[in-house]
N, C-alpha and C. Protein backbone atom coordinates (compact mmCIF):
# COMPACT_ATOMS: atom_id res chain seq x y z
N MET A 1 -0.60 -11.51 15.95
CA MET A 1 -0.41 -12.72 14.50
C MET A 1 -0.14 -14.17 14.90
N ASP A 2 -1.02 -15.32 14.20
CA ASP A 2 -0.97 -16.32 13.90
C ASP A 2 -0.04 -17.32 13.90
N GLU A 3 1.01 -18.31 14.28
CA GLU A 3 1.89 -18.85 13.86
C GLU A 3 1.66 -20.21 13.20
N ALA A 4 0.37 -20.35 12.73
CA ALA A 4 0.31 -21.27 12.09
C ALA A 4 0.92 -21.83 11.06
N PRO A 5 1.58 -23.07 10.87
CA PRO A 5 1.80 -23.27 9.57
C PRO A 5 1.38 -22.79 8.18
N ILE A 6 2.20 -22.51 7.23
CA ILE A 6 1.72 -22.09 6.03
C ILE A 6 0.96 -23.39 5.21
N ASP A 7 -0.02 -22.60 4.76
CA ASP A 7 -1.20 -23.56 3.65
C ASP A 7 0.16 -23.10 1.98
N PRO A 8 0.86 -24.46 2.04
CA PRO A 8 1.82 -24.33 0.95
C PRO A 8 1.22 -24.62 -0.42
N ALA A 9 -0.35 -23.92 -0.88
CA ALA A 9 -0.59 -23.68 -2.07
C ALA A 9 -1.21 -21.89 -1.68
N ALA A 10 -1.27 -20.96 -0.66
CA ALA A 10 -0.82 -19.67 -0.19
C ALA A 10 0.72 -19.57 -0.35
N GLY A 11 1.64 -20.11 -0.15
CA GLY A 11 2.99 -20.02 -0.63
C GLY A 11 3.51 -19.62 -1.75
N GLU A 12 2.40 -21.12 -2.48
CA GLU A 12 3.06 -21.18 -4.06
C GLU A 12 1.75 -19.86 -5.06
N ALA A 13 0.81 -19.20 -4.77
CA ALA A 13 0.59 -18.42 -4.95
C ALA A 13 1.58 -17.08 -5.09
N ALA A 14 2.32 -16.90 -3.93
CA ALA A 14 2.67 -15.44 -3.60
C ALA A 14 4.22 -16.04 -3.71
N ARG A 15 4.43 -17.08 -4.79
CA ARG A 15 5.90 -17.06 -5.58
C ARG A 15 5.43 -16.95 -6.83
N ILE A 16 4.40 -17.60 -7.09
CA ILE A 16 3.14 -17.12 -9.11
C ILE A 16 3.50 -15.51 -9.04
N HIS A 17 3.22 -14.89 -8.00
CA HIS A 17 2.69 -13.54 -7.92
C HIS A 17 4.18 -12.99 -8.40
N ALA A 18 5.13 -13.67 -7.30
CA ALA A 18 6.53 -12.55 -7.38
C ALA A 18 7.10 -12.72 -8.97
N ALA A 19 6.91 -14.00 -9.31
CA ALA A 19 7.63 -14.16 -10.23
C ALA A 19 6.47 -13.64 -11.65
N ALA A 20 5.31 -13.39 -11.86
CA ALA A 20 4.77 -12.58 -12.70
C ALA A 20 5.73 -11.76 -12.55
N VAL A 21 4.96 -10.77 -11.22
CA VAL A 21 5.85 -9.49 -11.24
C VAL A 21 6.97 -9.03 -11.99
N VAL A 22 8.18 -9.19 -11.43
CA VAL A 22 9.19 -9.74 -12.23
C VAL A 22 9.16 -9.46 -14.05
N ALA A 23 8.01 -11.35 -13.93
CA ALA A 23 8.20 -11.06 -15.84
C ALA A 23 7.71 -10.15 -16.42
N GLY A 24 7.35 -8.92 -15.50
CA GLY A 24 6.36 -7.97 -16.59
C GLY A 24 5.39 -8.46 -17.24
N ASP A 25 4.31 -9.50 -16.09
CA ASP A 25 3.01 -10.63 -16.61
C ASP A 25 2.26 -9.82 -15.98
N ILE A 26 1.38 -9.33 -16.73
CA ILE A 26 0.75 -7.62 -16.28
C ILE A 26 -0.73 -8.94 -15.97
N GLY A 27 -1.19 -9.84 -16.70
CA GLY A 27 -2.83 -10.58 -16.91
C GLY A 27 -2.30 -11.59 -15.19
N THR A 28 -1.02 -12.19 -15.33
CA THR A 28 -1.14 -13.22 -14.27
C THR A 28 -1.17 -11.98 -12.47
N THR A 29 -0.54 -11.12 -12.63
CA THR A 29 -0.09 -10.30 -11.87
C THR A 29 -1.56 -9.34 -11.36
N VAL A 30 -2.30 -9.30 -12.64
CA VAL A 30 -3.36 -8.88 -12.00
C VAL A 30 -4.88 -9.74 -11.53
N LEU A 31 -4.85 -10.79 -11.84
CA LEU A 31 -5.75 -12.04 -12.00
C LEU A 31 -5.29 -12.58 -10.50
N GLY A 32 -4.33 -12.44 -10.19
CA GLY A 32 -3.90 -12.61 -8.34
C GLY A 32 -4.09 -11.60 -7.46
N MET A 33 -4.80 -10.60 -8.02
CA MET A 33 -5.22 -9.53 -6.82
C MET A 33 -6.55 -8.95 -7.11
N THR A 34 -7.33 -8.59 -5.57
CA THR A 34 -8.84 -8.06 -5.75
C THR A 34 -8.35 -6.95 -6.55
N PRO A 35 -9.30 -6.49 -7.07
CA PRO A 35 -9.29 -4.73 -7.58
C PRO A 35 -9.24 -3.43 -6.58
N GLU A 36 -9.42 -3.81 -5.36
CA GLU A 36 -8.99 -3.20 -4.25
C GLU A 36 -7.61 -3.01 -4.10
N ALA A 37 -6.79 -4.31 -3.87
CA ALA A 37 -5.18 -4.12 -3.74
C ALA A 37 -4.74 -3.93 -5.08
N PHE A 38 -5.31 -4.13 -5.76
CA PHE A 38 -4.56 -3.13 -7.82
C PHE A 38 -4.31 -2.21 -7.55
N ALA A 39 -5.56 -1.74 -7.22
CA ALA A 39 -5.87 -0.16 -6.52
C ALA A 39 -4.75 0.35 -5.61
N LYS A 40 -4.32 -0.39 -4.73
CA LYS A 40 -3.81 -0.26 -3.67
C LYS A 40 -1.85 0.02 -4.91
N THR A 41 -1.80 -1.09 -4.94
CA THR A 41 -0.64 -0.90 -5.70
C THR A 41 -0.33 0.15 -6.53
N MET A 42 -1.38 0.78 -7.28
CA MET A 42 -0.62 1.52 -8.31
C MET A 42 -1.05 2.48 -7.73
N GLN A 43 -0.96 2.93 -6.55
CA GLN A 43 -1.09 4.34 -5.35
C GLN A 43 0.84 4.01 -5.02
N LEU A 44 1.31 2.77 -5.37
CA LEU A 44 2.15 2.28 -4.46
C LEU A 44 3.35 3.17 -5.52
N GLY A 45 3.59 3.76 -6.84
CA GLY A 45 4.17 4.07 -7.56
C GLY A 45 5.34 3.65 -7.84
N ASN A 46 4.57 2.17 -8.26
CA ASN A 46 6.21 0.64 -8.64
C ASN A 46 5.82 0.62 -9.99
N THR A 47 4.90 0.67 -10.42
CA THR A 47 4.38 0.23 -12.39
C THR A 47 5.26 0.83 -13.07
N THR A 48 6.12 1.14 -13.18
CA THR A 48 7.20 2.47 -13.97
C THR A 48 8.87 1.20 -14.43
N TRP A 49 9.06 0.40 -13.39
CA TRP A 49 10.09 0.04 -12.51
C TRP A 49 10.40 -1.29 -13.22
N THR A 50 11.61 -1.19 -13.65
CA THR A 50 13.03 -2.37 -13.92
C THR A 50 12.77 -3.85 -13.20
N TYR A 51 11.88 -4.41 -12.72
CA TYR A 51 12.11 -5.64 -11.89
C TYR A 51 13.38 -6.59 -12.26
N PHE A 52 14.39 -7.18 -11.48
CA PHE A 52 15.26 -7.93 -12.03
C PHE A 52 15.55 -8.98 -10.80
N GLY A 53 14.45 -9.09 -9.83
CA GLY A 53 14.91 -10.55 -8.39
C GLY A 53 13.87 -10.18 -8.55
N SER A 54 13.46 -11.25 -7.64
CA SER A 54 12.56 -11.29 -6.24
C SER A 54 12.61 -11.95 -4.61
N GLU A 55 12.44 -12.86 -3.96
CA GLU A 55 12.56 -12.97 -2.81
C GLU A 55 11.57 -13.65 -1.88
N VAL A 56 11.05 -14.52 -1.52
CA VAL A 56 9.46 -14.63 -1.18
C VAL A 56 9.81 -14.82 0.23
N SER A 57 9.21 -14.18 1.72
CA SER A 57 8.99 -14.56 2.72
C SER A 57 7.52 -15.26 3.93
N PHE A 58 7.57 -15.81 4.08
CA PHE A 58 6.45 -15.87 4.63
C PHE A 58 6.32 -15.24 6.06
N ALA A 59 5.43 -14.26 6.48
CA ALA A 59 5.41 -13.03 7.45
C ALA A 59 4.50 -13.57 8.44
N GLY A 60 3.68 -14.82 8.24
CA GLY A 60 2.67 -15.22 9.60
C GLY A 60 1.65 -15.37 9.31
N ARG A 61 0.46 -15.54 10.28
CA ARG A 61 -0.79 -15.74 9.86
C ARG A 61 -1.79 -14.60 10.18
N ASP A 62 -2.47 -13.77 10.39
CA ASP A 62 -3.50 -13.17 10.32
C ASP A 62 -4.97 -13.45 10.08
N GLY A 63 -5.56 -14.28 11.30
CA GLY A 63 -6.58 -14.99 10.85
C GLY A 63 -6.69 -15.44 9.69
N GLN A 64 -7.65 -15.72 8.91
CA GLN A 64 -7.32 -16.62 7.89
C GLN A 64 -6.75 -16.81 6.66
N ASP A 65 -5.93 -15.33 6.54
CA ASP A 65 -4.84 -14.53 6.00
C ASP A 65 -3.78 -14.62 6.22
N TYR A 66 -2.91 -14.68 4.63
CA TYR A 66 -1.42 -15.71 5.01
C TYR A 66 -0.62 -13.84 4.72
N LEU A 67 -0.12 -14.05 5.02
CA LEU A 67 1.22 -12.62 5.13
C LEU A 67 2.82 -12.92 4.11
N PHE A 68 2.71 -12.58 3.35
CA PHE A 68 4.07 -12.92 2.96
C PHE A 68 4.93 -11.08 2.57
N ASP A 69 5.74 -11.47 2.76
CA ASP A 69 6.96 -10.19 2.52
C ASP A 69 7.51 -10.36 1.11
N ILE A 70 7.69 -9.54 0.58
CA ILE A 70 8.35 -9.85 -1.16
C ILE A 70 9.37 -8.94 -1.16
N ALA A 71 10.57 -9.24 -1.01
CA ALA A 71 11.54 -8.41 -1.78
C ALA A 71 12.12 -8.08 -3.06
N TYR A 72 12.09 -7.77 -3.84
CA TYR A 72 11.73 -6.72 -5.31
C TYR A 72 13.20 -5.74 -5.52
N ARG A 73 13.76 -6.32 -6.40
CA ARG A 73 15.43 -5.91 -6.48
C ARG A 73 14.99 -5.27 -7.92
N THR A 74 15.08 -3.90 -8.25
CA THR A 74 14.58 -2.98 -9.13
C THR A 74 15.98 -2.22 -9.58
N ASP A 75 15.20 -1.61 -10.76
CA ASP A 75 16.67 -0.33 -11.83
C ASP A 75 16.56 0.79 -10.76
N LEU A 76 15.95 1.24 -9.61
CA LEU A 76 15.63 1.79 -8.93
C LEU A 76 16.28 2.06 -7.61
N GLY A 77 16.50 0.33 -6.99
CA GLY A 77 16.51 -0.44 -5.26
C GLY A 77 16.36 -0.91 -5.67
N PRO A 78 16.20 -1.87 -3.88
CA PRO A 78 15.61 -2.42 -3.37
C PRO A 78 14.19 -2.07 -2.72
N PHE A 79 13.34 -2.50 -2.80
CA PHE A 79 11.75 -2.38 -2.06
C PHE A 79 10.84 -4.19 -1.71
N THR A 80 10.20 -3.72 -0.35
CA THR A 80 9.62 -4.69 0.30
C THR A 80 8.07 -4.35 0.39
N LEU A 81 7.97 -5.46 -0.35
CA LEU A 81 6.18 -5.50 0.08
C LEU A 81 5.50 -6.50 0.92
N ARG A 82 4.52 -6.21 1.55
CA ARG A 82 4.12 -6.78 2.82
C ARG A 82 2.79 -7.98 1.68
N ASP A 83 2.41 -8.86 1.35
CA ASP A 83 1.42 -8.69 0.64
C ASP A 83 0.37 -10.00 1.77
N ARG A 84 -0.72 -9.60 1.75
CA ARG A 84 -2.00 -9.91 2.28
C ARG A 84 -2.41 -11.17 1.35
N PHE A 85 -2.45 -12.31 1.76
CA PHE A 85 -3.85 -13.73 0.78
C PHE A 85 -4.92 -14.01 1.43
N ARG A 86 -5.59 -14.33 0.84
CA ARG A 86 -7.10 -14.76 1.14
C ARG A 86 -7.35 -15.48 0.65
N LEU A 87 -7.86 -16.73 0.69
CA LEU A 87 -8.70 -17.55 0.08
C LEU A 87 -9.87 -17.34 -0.10
N ILE A 88 -10.24 -17.16 -1.47
CA ILE A 88 -11.40 -16.33 -2.16
C ILE A 88 -12.19 -17.16 -3.25
N GLU A 89 -13.13 -18.14 -2.61
CA GLU A 89 -13.96 -19.13 -4.39
C GLU A 89 -12.91 -19.96 -4.66
N GLY A 90 -12.01 -20.59 -4.27
CA GLY A 90 -11.19 -21.35 -3.66
C GLY A 90 -9.50 -20.94 -5.03
N ALA A 91 -9.27 -20.02 -4.73
CA ALA A 91 -8.19 -18.87 -4.69
C ALA A 91 -7.32 -17.95 -4.04
N TRP A 92 -6.00 -18.24 -3.83
CA TRP A 92 -5.69 -17.21 -2.89
C TRP A 92 -5.26 -15.61 -3.53
N LYS A 93 -5.58 -15.05 -3.31
CA LYS A 93 -5.65 -13.87 -3.80
C LYS A 93 -5.59 -12.83 -3.30
N ILE A 94 -4.42 -11.59 -3.45
CA ILE A 94 -3.46 -10.55 -3.45
C ILE A 94 -5.07 -10.16 -1.98
N VAL A 95 -5.10 -9.40 -1.30
CA VAL A 95 -6.07 -8.36 -0.75
C VAL A 95 -5.68 -7.45 -0.10
N ASP A 96 -4.35 -6.95 0.03
CA ASP A 96 -3.64 -6.09 0.86
C ASP A 96 -2.40 -5.82 0.37
N VAL A 97 -1.92 -4.56 0.36
CA VAL A 97 -0.83 -4.98 -0.07
C VAL A 97 0.05 -3.62 0.52
N GLU A 98 0.91 -3.43 1.59
CA GLU A 98 1.92 -2.39 2.33
C GLU A 98 3.26 -2.19 1.86
N ARG A 99 3.72 -1.44 1.31
CA ARG A 99 4.65 -1.06 1.42
C ARG A 99 6.16 -1.22 2.99
N LEU A 100 6.73 -1.75 3.14
CA LEU A 100 7.91 -1.78 3.85
C LEU A 100 9.16 -0.83 4.44
N ASP A 101 9.63 -0.72 3.10
CA ASP A 101 10.81 -0.27 3.10
C ASP A 101 10.77 0.64 1.85
N GLY A 102 12.51 1.27 1.37
CA GLY A 102 12.46 2.10 0.11
C GLY A 102 11.67 2.96 -0.08
């Protein structure tokens, strides 16, 4: 992975996404993802949980993609997702999601 500095817009997109998930803002959550990433998120099974908060950490770069670990606190316990953000048509979008723990 590339250790180059983070693009501030990518970090802001990750923070906006995490806040939208916690707030239950489905529109903002879905608009910030590609259809493939949204489908993968549904497979993870975290759609019915109650979210209490999140913490976003920069996890590095992989080519042009930026990776962020987002630790969520929920009614069913904590878990962390690694979201892969890519600049698509001028907007940072999640293109892949991986569950790291939980």
